[in-house]
Amino acid sequence: RVKAILRRIQNMQSVAADETNNLIIGPIEINRDQH
């Protein structure tokens, strides 16, 4: 379980490193890089 949680965080950070644009839907803005 510990490995799965940490892997999920690492994957999220890896995805963020490849993304330059924020995800925007209506008034909601999601910044993966800065969480």
All heavy atoms as atom14 arrays in JSON, in Angstrom:
{
  "sequence": "RVKAILRRIQNMQSVAADETNNLIIGPIEINRDQH",
  "atom14_mask": [
    [1, 1, 1, 1, 1, 1, 1, 1, 1, 1, 1, 0, 0, 0],
    [1, 1, 1, 1, 1, 1, 1, 0, 0, 0, 0, 0, 0, 0],
    [1, 1, 1, 1, 1, 1, 1, 1, 1, 0, 0, 0, 0, 0],
    [1, 1, 1, 1, 1, 0, 0, 0, 0, 0, 0, 0, 0, 0],
    [1, 1, 1, 1, 1, 1, 1, 1, 0, 0, 0, 0, 0, 0],
    [1, 1, 1, 1, 1, 1, 1, 1, 0, 0, 0, 0, 0, 0],
    [1, 1, 1, 1, 1, 1, 1, 1, 1, 1, 1, 0, 0, 0],
    [1, 1, 1, 1, 1, 1, 1, 1, 1, 1, 1, 0, 0, 0],
    [1, 1, 1, 1, 1, 1, 1, 1, 0, 0, 0, 0, 0, 0],
    [1, 1, 1, 1, 1, 1, 1, 1, 1, 0, 0, 0, 0, 0],
    [1, 1, 1, 1, 1, 1, 1, 1, 0, 0, 0, 0, 0, 0],
    [1, 1, 1, 1, 1, 1, 1, 1, 0, 0, 0, 0, 0, 0],
    [1, 1, 1, 1, 1, 1, 1, 1, 1, 0, 0, 0, 0, 0],
    [1, 1, 1, 1, 1, 1, 0, 0, 0, 0, 0, 0, 0, 0],
    [1, 1, 1, 1, 1, 1, 1, 0, 0, 0, 0, 0, 0, 0],
    [1, 1, 1, 1, 1, 0, 0, 0, 0, 0, 0, 0, 0, 0],
    [1, 1, 1, 1, 1, 0, 0, 0, 0, 0, 0, 0, 0, 0],
    [1, 1, 1, 1, 1, 1, 1, 1, 0, 0, 0, 0, 0, 0],
    [1, 1, 1, 1, 1, 1, 1, 1, 1, 0, 0, 0, 0, 0],
    [1, 1, 1, 1, 1, 1, 1, 0, 0, 0, 0, 0, 0, 0],
    [1, 1, 1, 1, 1, 1, 1, 1, 0, 0, 0, 0, 0, 0],
    [1, 1, 1, 1, 1, 1, 1, 1, 0, 0, 0, 0, 0, 0],
    [1, 1, 1, 1, 1, 1, 1, 1, 0, 0, 0, 0, 0, 0],
    [1, 1, 1, 1, 1, 1, 1, 1, 0, 0, 0, 0, 0, 0],
    [1, 1, 1, 1, 1, 1, 1, 1, 0, 0, 0, 0, 0, 0],
    [1, 1, 1, 1, 0, 0, 0, 0, 0, 0, 0, 0, 0, 0],
    [1, 1, 1, 1, 1, 1, 1, 0, 0, 0, 0, 0, 0, 0],
    [1, 1, 1, 1, 1, 1, 1, 1, 0, 0, 0, 0, 0, 0],
    [1, 1, 1, 1, 1, 1, 1, 1, 1, 0, 0, 0, 0, 0],
    [1, 1, 1, 1, 1, 1, 1, 1, 0, 0, 0, 0, 0, 0],
    [1, 1, 1, 1, 1, 1, 1, 1, 0, 0, 0, 0, 0, 0],
    [1, 1, 1, 1, 1, 1, 1, 1, 1, 1, 1, 0, 0, 0],
    [1, 1, 1, 1, 1, 1, 1, 1, 0, 0, 0, 0, 0, 0],
    [1, 1, 1, 1, 1, 1, 1, 1, 1, 0, 0, 0, 0, 0],
    [1, 1, 1, 1, 1, 1, 1, 1, 1, 1, 0, 0, 0, 0]
  ],
  "atom14_positions": [
    [[0.84, -1.2, 0.0], [0.0, 0.0, 0.0], [0.88, 1.26, 0.0], [0.58, 2.23, -0.69], [-0.9, 0.01, 1.24], [-1.94, -1.07, 1.28], [-3.16, -0.74, 0.43], [-4.21, -1.68, 0.69], [-5.21, -1.48, 1.55], [-5.28, -0.35, 2.23], [-6.14, -2.41, 1.73], [0.0, 0.0, 0.0], [0.0, 0.0, 0.0], [0.0, 0.0, 0.0]],
    [[1.93, 1.24, 0.82], [2.84, 2.38, 0.89], [3.46, 2.65, -0.47], [3.5, 3.78, -0.95], [3.95, 2.14, 1.94], [5.09, 3.15, 1.8], [3.35, 2.22, 3.35], [0.0, 0.0, 0.0], [0.0, 0.0, 0.0], [0.0, 0.0, 0.0], [0.0, 0.0, 0.0], [0.0, 0.0, 0.0], [0.0, 0.0, 0.0], [0.0, 0.0, 0.0]],
    [[3.94, 1.59, -1.13], [4.55, 1.74, -2.45], [3.55, 2.31, -3.46], [3.89, 3.15, -4.3], [5.07, 0.4, -2.94], [6.31, -0.09, -2.23], [6.73, -1.45, -2.78], [7.93, -2.0, -2.05], [8.32, -3.35, -2.53], [0.0, 0.0, 0.0], [0.0, 0.0, 0.0], [0.0, 0.0, 0.0], [0.0, 0.0, 0.0], [0.0, 0.0, 0.0]],
    [[2.3, 1.85, -3.37], [1.27, 2.31, -4.31], [1.0, 3.8, -4.14], [0.88, 4.54, -5.13], [-0.02, 1.51, -4.11], [0.0, 0.0, 0.0], [0.0, 0.0, 0.0], [0.0, 0.0, 0.0], [0.0, 0.0, 0.0], [0.0, 0.0, 0.0], [0.0, 0.0, 0.0], [0.0, 0.0, 0.0], [0.0, 0.0, 0.0], [0.0, 0.0, 0.0]],
    [[0.9, 4.26, -2.89], [0.66, 5.68, -2.63], [1.82, 6.52, -3.13], [1.64, 7.54, -3.8], [0.41, 5.93, -1.13], [-0.89, 5.25, -0.67], [0.35, 7.43, -0.83], [-1.09, 5.27, 0.83], [0.0, 0.0, 0.0], [0.0, 0.0, 0.0], [0.0, 0.0, 0.0], [0.0, 0.0, 0.0], [0.0, 0.0, 0.0], [0.0, 0.0, 0.0]],
    [[3.04, 6.09, -2.8], [4.23, 6.85, -3.21], [4.4, 6.83, -4.73], [4.81, 7.83, -5.33], [5.47, 6.29, -2.52], [5.5, 6.45, -1.0], [6.72, 5.74, -0.42], [5.51, 7.92, -0.6], [0.0, 0.0, 0.0], [0.0, 0.0, 0.0], [0.0, 0.0, 0.0], [0.0, 0.0, 0.0], [0.0, 0.0, 0.0], [0.0, 0.0, 0.0]],
    [[4.08, 5.7, -5.36], [4.18, 5.61, -6.82], [3.18, 6.55, -7.48], [3.49, 7.19, -8.49], [3.92, 4.17, -7.26], [4.09, 3.95, -8.77], [4.02, 2.48, -9.13], [2.75, 1.9, -8.77], [2.58, 0.95, -7.83], [3.63, 0.51, -7.14], [1.38, 0.47, -7.56], [0.0, 0.0, 0.0], [0.0, 0.0, 0.0], [0.0, 0.0, 0.0]],
    [[1.99, 6.65, -6.89], [0.97, 7.55, -7.45], [1.44, 9.0, -7.41], [1.25, 9.76, -8.36], [-0.33, 7.38, -6.66], [-1.45, 8.29, -7.11], [-2.79, 7.71, -6.74], [-2.9, 7.44, -5.32], [-3.4, 8.3, -4.44], [-3.79, 9.49, -4.84], [-3.5, 8.0, -3.18], [0.0, 0.0, 0.0], [0.0, 0.0, 0.0], [0.0, 0.0, 0.0]],
    [[2.07, 9.37, -6.29], [2.59, 10.74, -6.16], [3.7, 10.98, -7.18], [3.74, 12.02, -7.84], [3.12, 10.98, -4.73], [1.97, 10.87, -3.73], [3.78, 12.34, -4.63], [2.45, 10.84, -2.3], [0.0, 0.0, 0.0], [0.0, 0.0, 0.0], [0.0, 0.0, 0.0], [0.0, 0.0, 0.0], [0.0, 0.0, 0.0], [0.0, 0.0, 0.0]],
    [[4.59, 10.0, -7.32], [5.69, 10.12, -8.27], [5.19, 10.23, -9.7], [5.68, 11.04, -10.49], [6.64, 8.93, -8.13], [7.9, 9.05, -8.98], [8.84, 7.88, -8.75], [8.42, 6.76, -8.47], [10.12, 8.13, -8.87], [0.0, 0.0, 0.0], [0.0, 0.0, 0.0], [0.0, 0.0, 0.0], [0.0, 0.0, 0.0], [0.0, 0.0, 0.0]],
    [[4.19, 9.41, -10.03], [3.61, 9.46, -11.37], [2.97, 10.81, -11.64], [3.08, 11.35, -12.75], [2.57, 8.35, -11.54], [3.21, 6.98, -11.63], [4.41, 6.86, -11.86], [2.42, 5.94, -11.45], [0.0, 0.0, 0.0], [0.0, 0.0, 0.0], [0.0, 0.0, 0.0], [0.0, 0.0, 0.0], [0.0, 0.0, 0.0], [0.0, 0.0, 0.0]],
    [[2.29, 11.33, -10.63], [1.65, 12.63, -10.78], [2.69, 13.71, -11.04], [2.52, 14.58, -11.89], [0.86, 12.98, -9.51], [0.11, 14.3, -9.58], [-0.71, 14.67, -8.02], [0.71, 15.05, -6.99], [0.0, 0.0, 0.0], [0.0, 0.0, 0.0], [0.0, 0.0, 0.0], [0.0, 0.0, 0.0], [0.0, 0.0, 0.0], [0.0, 0.0, 0.0]],
    [[3.83, 13.63, -10.34], [4.89, 14.61, -10.54], [5.53, 14.46, -11.91], [5.92, 15.44, -12.54], [5.94, 14.46, -9.43], [5.42, 14.87, -8.06], [6.36, 14.5, -6.93], [7.24, 13.64, -7.09], [6.19, 15.12, -5.79], [0.0, 0.0, 0.0], [0.0, 0.0, 0.0], [0.0, 0.0, 0.0], [0.0, 0.0, 0.0], [0.0, 0.0, 0.0]],
    [[5.65, 13.21, -12.39], [6.23, 12.97, -13.7], [5.34, 13.54, -14.8], [5.81, 14.13, -15.76], [6.43, 11.47, -13.92], [7.34, 10.96, -12.99], [0.0, 0.0, 0.0], [0.0, 0.0, 0.0], [0.0, 0.0, 0.0], [0.0, 0.0, 0.0], [0.0, 0.0, 0.0], [0.0, 0.0, 0.0], [0.0, 0.0, 0.0], [0.0, 0.0, 0.0]],
    [[4.03, 13.33, -14.64], [3.09, 13.88, -15.61], [3.16, 15.4, -15.61], [3.17, 16.04, -16.65], [1.65, 13.42, -15.3], [0.65, 14.18, -16.17], [1.52, 11.93, -15.53], [0.0, 0.0, 0.0], [0.0, 0.0, 0.0], [0.0, 0.0, 0.0], [0.0, 0.0, 0.0], [0.0, 0.0, 0.0], [0.0, 0.0, 0.0], [0.0, 0.0, 0.0]],
    [[3.26, 15.97, -14.4], [3.32, 17.43, -14.29], [4.54, 17.98, -15.01], [4.49, 19.06, -15.61], [3.34, 17.83, -12.81], [0.0, 0.0, 0.0], [0.0, 0.0, 0.0], [0.0, 0.0, 0.0], [0.0, 0.0, 0.0], [0.0, 0.0, 0.0], [0.0, 0.0, 0.0], [0.0, 0.0, 0.0], [0.0, 0.0, 0.0], [0.0, 0.0, 0.0]],
    [[5.65, 17.24, -14.96], [6.87, 17.72, -15.6], [6.73, 17.8, -17.11], [7.42, 18.57, -17.78], [8.03, 16.8, -15.24], [0.0, 0.0, 0.0], [0.0, 0.0, 0.0], [0.0, 0.0, 0.0], [0.0, 0.0, 0.0], [0.0, 0.0, 0.0], [0.0, 0.0, 0.0], [0.0, 0.0, 0.0], [0.0, 0.0, 0.0], [0.0, 0.0, 0.0]],
    [[5.81, 17.0, -17.67], [5.61, 17.0, -19.12], [4.51, 17.95, -19.57], [4.25, 18.08, -20.76], [5.27, 15.58, -19.59], [6.43, 14.62, -19.37], [7.58, 15.1, -19.36], [6.18, 13.43, -19.19], [0.0, 0.0, 0.0], [0.0, 0.0, 0.0], [0.0, 0.0, 0.0], [0.0, 0.0, 0.0], [0.0, 0.0, 0.0], [0.0, 0.0, 0.0]],
    [[3.81, 18.56, -18.63], [2.69, 19.42, -18.98], [3.06, 20.89, -18.78], [3.66, 21.26, -17.78], [1.46, 19.09, -18.11], [0.89, 17.71, -18.41], [-0.34, 17.42, -17.56], [-0.63, 18.2, -16.64], [-1.0, 16.41, -17.83], [0.0, 0.0, 0.0], [0.0, 0.0, 0.0], [0.0, 0.0, 0.0], [0.0, 0.0, 0.0], [0.0, 0.0, 0.0]],
    [[2.73, 21.7, -19.75], [3.05, 23.12, -19.63], [1.79, 23.96, -19.41], [1.89, 25.09, -18.95], [3.77, 23.62, -20.9], [2.93, 23.35, -22.04], [5.1, 22.9, -21.08], [0.0, 0.0, 0.0], [0.0, 0.0, 0.0], [0.0, 0.0, 0.0], [0.0, 0.0, 0.0], [0.0, 0.0, 0.0], [0.0, 0.0, 0.0], [0.0, 0.0, 0.0]],
    [[0.63, 23.42, -19.73], [-0.61, 24.18, -19.6], [-1.43, 23.69, -18.42], [-1.47, 22.5, -18.12], [-1.45, 24.04, -20.88], [-0.74, 24.64, -22.08], [-0.11, 25.68, -21.97], [-0.83, 23.96, -23.21], [0.0, 0.0, 0.0], [0.0, 0.0, 0.0], [0.0, 0.0, 0.0], [0.0, 0.0, 0.0], [0.0, 0.0, 0.0], [0.0, 0.0, 0.0]],
    [[-2.09, 24.64, -17.77], [-3.01, 24.29, -16.7], [-4.29, 23.7, -17.3], [-4.64, 23.96, -18.46], [-3.36, 25.52, -15.87], [-2.16, 26.07, -15.13], [-1.12, 25.42, -15.05], [-2.32, 27.26, -14.58], [0.0, 0.0, 0.0], [0.0, 0.0, 0.0], [0.0, 0.0, 0.0], [0.0, 0.0, 0.0], [0.0, 0.0, 0.0], [0.0, 0.0, 0.0]],
    [[-4.96, 22.91, -16.51], [-6.25, 22.37, -16.92], [-7.32, 23.3, -16.38], [-7.4, 23.53, -15.17], [-6.42, 20.95, -16.36], [-7.66, 20.17, -16.77], [-7.73, 20.02, -18.29], [-7.65, 18.8, -16.11], [0.0, 0.0, 0.0], [0.0, 0.0, 0.0], [0.0, 0.0, 0.0], [0.0, 0.0, 0.0], [0.0, 0.0, 0.0], [0.0, 0.0, 0.0]],
    [[-8.15, 23.85, -17.27], [-9.16, 24.83, -16.87], [-10.53, 24.34, -17.29], [-10.74, 23.96, -18.45], [-8.88, 26.21, -17.5], [-7.51, 26.73, -17.04], [-9.97, 27.2, -17.14], [-7.07, 28.0, -17.72], [0.0, 0.0, 0.0], [0.0, 0.0, 0.0], [0.0, 0.0, 0.0], [0.0, 0.0, 0.0], [0.0, 0.0, 0.0], [0.0, 0.0, 0.0]],
    [[-11.47, 24.35, -16.35], [-12.86, 24.01, -16.65], [-13.74, 25.0, -15.91], [-13.78, 25.01, -14.67], [-13.19, 22.54, -16.27], [-14.68, 22.28, -16.45], [-12.7, 22.17, -14.89], [-15.06, 20.81, -16.34], [0.0, 0.0, 0.0], [0.0, 0.0, 0.0], [0.0, 0.0, 0.0], [0.0, 0.0, 0.0], [0.0, 0.0, 0.0], [0.0, 0.0, 0.0]],
    [[-14.43, 25.84, -16.66], [-15.22, 26.9, -16.04], [-14.32, 27.78, -15.19], [-13.24, 28.19, -15.63], [0.0, 0.0, 0.0], [0.0, 0.0, 0.0], [0.0, 0.0, 0.0], [0.0, 0.0, 0.0], [0.0, 0.0, 0.0], [0.0, 0.0, 0.0], [0.0, 0.0, 0.0], [0.0, 0.0, 0.0], [0.0, 0.0, 0.0], [0.0, 0.0, 0.0]],
    [[-14.73, 28.07, -13.95], [-13.91, 28.91, -13.07], [-12.82, 28.14, -12.33], [-12.09, 28.7, -11.53], [-14.94, 29.45, -12.07], [-15.95, 28.36, -11.98], [-16.03, 27.73, -13.36], [0.0, 0.0, 0.0], [0.0, 0.0, 0.0], [0.0, 0.0, 0.0], [0.0, 0.0, 0.0], [0.0, 0.0, 0.0], [0.0, 0.0, 0.0], [0.0, 0.0, 0.0]],
    [[-12.7, 26.82, -12.6], [-11.74, 25.97, -11.9], [-10.47, 25.85, -12.72], [-10.5, 25.46, -13.88], [-12.33, 24.57, -11.64], [-13.65, 24.67, -10.86], [-11.33, 23.7, -10.88], [-14.41, 23.36, -10.79], [0.0, 0.0, 0.0], [0.0, 0.0, 0.0], [0.0, 0.0, 0.0], [0.0, 0.0, 0.0], [0.0, 0.0, 0.0], [0.0, 0.0, 0.0]],
    [[-9.33, 26.17, -12.1], [-8.03, 26.04, -12.76], [-7.17, 25.07, -11.96], [-6.95, 25.25, -10.76], [-7.34, 27.4, -12.85], [-6.0, 27.34, -13.58], [-5.4, 28.72, -13.8], [-6.1, 29.72, -13.51], [-4.24, 28.8, -14.25], [0.0, 0.0, 0.0], [0.0, 0.0, 0.0], [0.0, 0.0, 0.0], [0.0, 0.0, 0.0], [0.0, 0.0, 0.0]],
    [[-6.68, 24.03, -12.63], [-5.91, 22.97, -11.97], [-4.48, 23.01, -12.47], [-4.22, 22.82, -13.66], [-6.52, 21.59, -12.26], [-8.01, 21.57, -11.86], [-5.76, 20.5, -11.51], [-8.75, 20.34, -12.38], [0.0, 0.0, 0.0], [0.0, 0.0, 0.0], [0.0, 0.0, 0.0], [0.0, 0.0, 0.0], [0.0, 0.0, 0.0], [0.0, 0.0, 0.0]],
    [[-3.54, 23.25, -11.57], [-2.13, 23.32, -11.9], [-1.44, 22.07, -11.37], [-1.22, 21.94, -10.17], [-1.5, 24.58, -11.3], [-0.06, 24.78, -11.73], [0.74, 23.85, -11.7], [0.27, 26.0, -12.12], [0.0, 0.0, 0.0], [0.0, 0.0, 0.0], [0.0, 0.0, 0.0], [0.0, 0.0, 0.0], [0.0, 0.0, 0.0], [0.0, 0.0, 0.0]],
    [[-1.12, 21.11, -12.26], [-0.5, 19.86, -11.83], [0.91, 20.09, -11.28], [1.33, 19.44, -10.34], [-0.42, 18.87, -13.0], [-1.72, 18.21, -13.39], [-2.26, 17.28, -12.34], [-1.44, 16.12, -12.07], [-1.73, 14.88, -12.47], [-2.79, 14.65, -13.22], [-0.97, 13.87, -12.12], [0.0, 0.0, 0.0], [0.0, 0.0, 0.0], [0.0, 0.0, 0.0]],
    [[1.63, 21.02, -11.89], [3.01, 21.24, -11.51], [3.13, 21.7, -10.06], [3.97, 21.23, -9.31], [3.63, 22.26, -12.46], [5.14, 22.37, -12.29], [5.73, 21.39, -11.83], [5.7, 23.42, -12.63], [0.0, 0.0, 0.0], [0.0, 0.0, 0.0], [0.0, 0.0, 0.0], [0.0, 0.0, 0.0], [0.0, 0.0, 0.0], [0.0, 0.0, 0.0]],
    [[2.26, 22.62, -9.68], [2.31, 23.18, -8.32], [1.31, 22.52, -7.38], [1.26, 22.86, -6.2], [2.05, 24.68, -8.38], [3.11, 25.45, -9.16], [2.84, 26.94, -9.18], [2.13, 27.48, -8.34], [3.42, 27.63, -10.16], [0.0, 0.0, 0.0], [0.0, 0.0, 0.0], [0.0, 0.0, 0.0], [0.0, 0.0, 0.0], [0.0, 0.0, 0.0]],
    [[0.53, 21.6, -7.9], [-0.51, 20.91, -7.11], [-1.45, 21.93, -6.46], [-1.73, 21.9, -5.26], [0.13, 20.02, -6.03], [-0.78, 18.92, -5.56], [-1.72, 19.1, -4.59], [-0.89, 17.64, -5.95], [-2.38, 17.97, -4.39], [-1.88, 17.06, -5.2], [0.0, 0.0, 0.0], [0.0, 0.0, 0.0], [0.0, 0.0, 0.0], [0.0, 0.0, 0.0]]
  ]
}
